[in-house]
N, C-alpha and C. Protein backbone atom coordinates (compact mmCIF):
# COMPACT_ATOMS: atom_id res chain seq x y z
N UNK A 1 -3.34 0.17 15.69
CA UNK A 1 -1.97 -0.16 15.90
C UNK A 1 -1.24 -0.32 14.54
N UNK A 2 -1.89 -0.94 13.57
CA UNK A 2 -1.26 -1.11 12.26
C UNK A 2 -1.08 0.23 11.53
N UNK A 3 -2.01 1.16 11.77
CA UNK A 3 -1.85 2.52 11.18
C UNK A 3 -0.61 3.19 11.70
N UNK A 4 -0.36 3.07 13.01
CA UNK A 4 0.87 3.60 13.60
C UNK A 4 2.12 2.91 13.01
N UNK A 5 2.01 1.60 12.80
CA UNK A 5 3.13 0.84 12.21
C UNK A 5 3.46 1.36 10.84
N UNK A 6 2.42 1.56 9.96
CA UNK A 6 2.70 1.99 8.59
C UNK A 6 3.35 3.38 8.55
N UNK A 7 2.92 4.23 9.48
CA UNK A 7 3.50 5.58 9.53
C UNK A 7 4.96 5.52 9.97
N UNK A 8 5.25 4.73 10.99
CA UNK A 8 6.62 4.55 11.45
C UNK A 8 7.52 3.93 10.36
N UNK A 9 7.03 2.82 9.78
CA UNK A 9 7.83 2.12 8.78
C UNK A 9 8.10 3.02 7.56
N UNK A 10 7.12 3.80 7.08
CA UNK A 10 7.33 4.64 5.96
C UNK A 10 8.30 5.77 6.27
N UNK A 11 8.26 6.30 7.49
CA UNK A 11 9.16 7.40 7.85
C UNK A 11 10.60 6.91 8.02
N UNK A 12 10.80 5.61 8.26
CA UNK A 12 12.12 5.02 8.41
C UNK A 12 12.60 4.32 7.17
N UNK A 13 11.87 4.48 6.06
CA UNK A 13 12.22 3.74 4.83
C UNK A 13 12.28 2.22 5.03
N UNK A 14 11.46 1.72 5.88
CA UNK A 14 11.34 0.25 6.12
C UNK A 14 10.18 -0.26 5.29
N UNK A 15 10.40 -0.33 3.96
CA UNK A 15 9.31 -0.63 3.06
C UNK A 15 8.89 -2.09 3.08
N UNK A 16 9.77 -2.99 3.44
CA UNK A 16 9.39 -4.38 3.62
C UNK A 16 8.44 -4.55 4.79
N UNK A 17 8.74 -3.88 5.91
CA UNK A 17 7.86 -3.90 7.06
C UNK A 17 6.54 -3.17 6.79
N UNK A 18 6.62 -2.07 6.08
CA UNK A 18 5.42 -1.35 5.68
C UNK A 18 4.52 -2.25 4.84
N UNK A 19 5.09 -2.97 3.90
CA UNK A 19 4.35 -3.88 3.06
C UNK A 19 3.65 -4.95 3.89
N UNK A 20 4.36 -5.47 4.87
CA UNK A 20 3.79 -6.52 5.72
C UNK A 20 2.62 -5.99 6.57
N UNK A 21 2.74 -4.75 7.04
CA UNK A 21 1.65 -4.15 7.80
C UNK A 21 0.45 -3.92 6.92
N UNK A 22 0.65 -3.48 5.71
CA UNK A 22 -0.48 -3.26 4.78
C UNK A 22 -1.13 -4.59 4.42
N UNK A 23 -0.35 -5.62 4.30
CA UNK A 23 -0.89 -6.94 4.01
C UNK A 23 -1.76 -7.42 5.19
N UNK A 24 -1.28 -7.20 6.41
CA UNK A 24 -2.11 -7.51 7.59
C UNK A 24 -3.39 -6.73 7.60
N UNK A 25 -3.34 -5.46 7.23
CA UNK A 25 -4.53 -4.63 7.17
C UNK A 25 -5.52 -5.21 6.15
N UNK A 26 -4.98 -5.63 5.01
CA UNK A 26 -5.84 -6.20 3.97
C UNK A 26 -6.56 -7.45 4.45
N UNK A 27 -5.84 -8.30 5.17
CA UNK A 27 -6.49 -9.51 5.70
C UNK A 27 -7.63 -9.18 6.65
N UNK A 28 -7.45 -8.14 7.45
CA UNK A 28 -8.53 -7.69 8.35
C UNK A 28 -9.74 -7.23 7.57
N UNK A 29 -9.48 -6.41 6.54
CA UNK A 29 -10.57 -5.94 5.71
C UNK A 29 -11.32 -7.10 5.04
N UNK A 30 -10.61 -8.08 4.62
CA UNK A 30 -11.25 -9.24 3.99
C UNK A 30 -12.18 -9.94 5.00
N UNK A 31 -11.69 -10.13 6.23
CA UNK A 31 -12.52 -10.78 7.25
C UNK A 31 -13.74 -9.93 7.58
N UNK A 32 -13.63 -8.63 7.47
CA UNK A 32 -14.77 -7.73 7.76
C UNK A 32 -15.72 -7.61 6.56
N UNK A 33 -15.40 -8.27 5.44
CA UNK A 33 -16.27 -8.20 4.29
C UNK A 33 -16.17 -6.92 3.48
N UNK A 34 -15.11 -6.17 3.68
CA UNK A 34 -14.90 -4.89 3.00
C UNK A 34 -14.06 -5.17 1.77
N UNK A 35 -14.66 -5.75 0.75
CA UNK A 35 -13.96 -6.28 -0.40
C UNK A 35 -13.29 -5.23 -1.28
N UNK A 36 -13.95 -4.10 -1.45
CA UNK A 36 -13.36 -3.06 -2.26
C UNK A 36 -12.10 -2.48 -1.60
N UNK A 37 -12.17 -2.25 -0.31
CA UNK A 37 -11.00 -1.79 0.42
C UNK A 37 -9.89 -2.84 0.47
N UNK A 38 -10.30 -4.09 0.62
CA UNK A 38 -9.34 -5.19 0.60
C UNK A 38 -8.58 -5.22 -0.72
N UNK A 39 -9.31 -5.07 -1.82
CA UNK A 39 -8.65 -5.08 -3.14
C UNK A 39 -7.69 -3.89 -3.27
N UNK A 40 -8.08 -2.75 -2.82
CA UNK A 40 -7.18 -1.59 -2.83
C UNK A 40 -5.86 -1.87 -2.10
N UNK A 41 -5.98 -2.44 -0.91
CA UNK A 41 -4.78 -2.72 -0.12
C UNK A 41 -3.94 -3.82 -0.79
N UNK A 42 -4.58 -4.85 -1.34
CA UNK A 42 -3.83 -5.93 -2.00
C UNK A 42 -3.12 -5.45 -3.23
N UNK A 43 -3.71 -4.51 -3.95
CA UNK A 43 -3.07 -3.95 -5.14
C UNK A 43 -1.83 -3.14 -4.71
N UNK A 44 -1.92 -2.44 -3.60
CA UNK A 44 -0.78 -1.71 -3.06
C UNK A 44 0.33 -2.69 -2.68
N UNK A 45 -0.04 -3.78 -2.00
CA UNK A 45 0.95 -4.80 -1.60
C UNK A 45 1.61 -5.38 -2.83
N UNK A 46 0.88 -5.70 -3.85
CA UNK A 46 1.47 -6.25 -5.07
C UNK A 46 2.39 -5.19 -5.76
N UNK A 47 1.98 -3.96 -5.77
CA UNK A 47 2.84 -2.91 -6.35
C UNK A 47 4.14 -2.83 -5.57
N UNK A 48 4.07 -2.85 -4.26
CA UNK A 48 5.29 -2.84 -3.45
C UNK A 48 6.16 -4.03 -3.74
N UNK A 49 5.52 -5.22 -3.78
CA UNK A 49 6.29 -6.45 -4.06
C UNK A 49 7.03 -6.33 -5.38
N UNK A 50 6.34 -5.83 -6.40
CA UNK A 50 6.97 -5.76 -7.73
C UNK A 50 8.10 -4.78 -7.77
N UNK A 51 8.16 -3.84 -6.82
CA UNK A 51 9.22 -2.84 -6.82
C UNK A 51 10.33 -3.16 -5.84
N UNK A 52 10.28 -4.32 -5.22
CA UNK A 52 11.38 -4.79 -4.38
C UNK A 52 11.58 -3.97 -3.11
N UNK A 53 10.68 -4.02 -2.15
CA UNK A 53 10.83 -3.24 -0.93
C UNK A 53 11.92 -3.85 0.01
N UNK A 54 12.71 -2.94 0.57
CA UNK A 54 13.71 -3.34 1.56
C UNK A 54 13.55 -2.43 2.79
N UNK A 55 14.15 -2.83 3.87
CA UNK A 55 14.12 -2.04 5.09
C UNK A 55 15.46 -1.32 5.27
N UNK A 56 15.40 -0.01 5.49
CA UNK A 56 16.62 0.80 5.61
C UNK A 56 16.89 1.23 7.06
N UNK A 57 15.98 0.89 7.99
CA UNK A 57 16.23 1.15 9.38
C UNK A 57 16.43 2.64 9.74
N UNK A 58 15.77 3.52 8.99
CA UNK A 58 15.87 4.92 9.29
C UNK A 58 17.12 5.63 8.71
N UNK A 59 17.91 4.88 8.03
CA UNK A 59 19.16 5.48 7.44
C UNK A 59 18.75 6.43 6.34
N UNK A 60 19.31 7.64 6.37
CA UNK A 60 19.02 8.62 5.32
C UNK A 60 20.28 9.14 4.65
N UNK A 61 21.41 8.51 4.89
CA UNK A 61 22.67 8.89 4.25
C UNK A 61 22.61 8.54 2.79
N UNK A 62 22.73 9.50 1.87
CA UNK A 62 22.58 9.24 0.44
C UNK A 62 23.58 8.24 -0.12
N UNK A 63 24.80 8.23 0.46
CA UNK A 63 25.80 7.26 -0.03
C UNK A 63 25.40 5.84 0.29
N UNK A 64 24.92 5.63 1.51
CA UNK A 64 24.47 4.29 1.91
C UNK A 64 23.24 3.90 1.14
N UNK A 65 22.27 4.83 0.98
CA UNK A 65 21.05 4.54 0.25
C UNK A 65 21.30 4.26 -1.23
N UNK A 66 22.36 4.84 -1.81
CA UNK A 66 22.65 4.56 -3.18
C UNK A 66 23.14 3.10 -3.35
N UNK A 67 23.83 2.62 -2.33
CA UNK A 67 24.32 1.24 -2.37
C UNK A 67 23.23 0.25 -1.92
N UNK A 68 22.41 0.66 -0.97
CA UNK A 68 21.35 -0.19 -0.43
C UNK A 68 20.03 0.60 -0.47
N UNK A 69 19.42 0.66 -1.69
CA UNK A 69 18.22 1.45 -1.84
C UNK A 69 16.99 0.86 -1.19
N UNK A 70 16.01 1.69 -0.85
CA UNK A 70 14.78 1.17 -0.20
C UNK A 70 13.93 0.32 -1.19
N UNK A 71 14.15 0.49 -2.48
CA UNK A 71 13.44 -0.32 -3.47
C UNK A 71 14.46 -0.82 -4.47
N UNK A 72 14.39 -2.08 -4.83
CA UNK A 72 15.29 -2.60 -5.86
C UNK A 72 14.59 -3.84 -6.49
N UNK A 73 13.81 -3.59 -7.55
CA UNK A 73 13.08 -4.67 -8.19
C UNK A 73 13.98 -5.79 -8.75
N UNK A 74 15.20 -5.47 -9.10
CA UNK A 74 16.08 -6.47 -9.68
C UNK A 74 16.57 -7.51 -8.63
N UNK A 75 16.61 -7.09 -7.39
CA UNK A 75 17.10 -7.97 -6.30
C UNK A 75 15.97 -8.66 -5.57
N UNK A 76 14.74 -8.18 -5.74
CA UNK A 76 13.63 -8.68 -4.94
C UNK A 76 13.20 -10.08 -5.44
N UNK A 77 12.94 -10.93 -4.46
CA UNK A 77 12.41 -12.27 -4.69
C UNK A 77 13.18 -12.95 -5.82
N UNK A 78 14.47 -13.14 -5.59
CA UNK A 78 15.34 -13.86 -6.50
C UNK A 78 15.43 -13.19 -7.88
N UNK A 79 15.21 -11.85 -7.89
CA UNK A 79 15.36 -11.11 -9.12
C UNK A 79 14.22 -11.33 -10.12
N UNK A 80 13.11 -11.94 -9.67
CA UNK A 80 12.00 -12.20 -10.60
C UNK A 80 11.08 -11.01 -10.80
N UNK A 81 11.18 -10.01 -9.91
CA UNK A 81 10.20 -8.90 -10.02
C UNK A 81 8.83 -9.45 -9.89
N UNK A 82 8.56 -10.24 -8.83
CA UNK A 82 7.39 -11.00 -8.65
C UNK A 82 6.75 -10.68 -7.32
N UNK A 83 5.51 -11.07 -7.15
CA UNK A 83 4.85 -10.94 -5.84
C UNK A 83 5.29 -12.11 -4.95
N UNK A 84 5.20 -11.91 -3.65
CA UNK A 84 5.50 -12.98 -2.73
C UNK A 84 4.59 -14.18 -2.94
N UNK A 85 5.07 -15.36 -2.59
CA UNK A 85 4.27 -16.56 -2.83
C UNK A 85 2.89 -16.50 -2.13
N UNK A 86 2.78 -15.90 -0.97
CA UNK A 86 1.51 -15.79 -0.28
C UNK A 86 0.51 -15.00 -1.06
N UNK A 87 0.95 -14.05 -1.84
CA UNK A 87 0.06 -13.24 -2.67
C UNK A 87 -0.35 -14.05 -3.92
N UNK A 88 0.64 -14.68 -4.53
CA UNK A 88 0.36 -15.42 -5.78
C UNK A 88 -0.60 -16.57 -5.54
N UNK A 89 -0.52 -17.20 -4.39
CA UNK A 89 -1.36 -18.38 -4.13
C UNK A 89 -2.57 -18.07 -3.28
N UNK A 90 -2.87 -16.77 -3.06
CA UNK A 90 -4.10 -16.39 -2.40
C UNK A 90 -4.15 -16.66 -0.93
N UNK A 91 -3.01 -16.75 -0.29
CA UNK A 91 -3.00 -17.02 1.16
C UNK A 91 -3.20 -15.78 1.99
């Protein structure tokens, strides 16, 4: 189900939702003891966090996307270009 979610979210430029689905996948991998795969997913989540993912709801109009881009590191997490607190504190 999460695989379907990531495909849908990426095709709609919903990168915040994509990030959340990948984070959920990482937590499952951790519970299954698949530590190398877990690390891969968590690195992807951190990369997305640092680039400021937003949800565009499938909008592909260039004028709207130039004003509300799918990624904006300067606006993400109070402009800190930081990972979400759950990632920083190991939750």
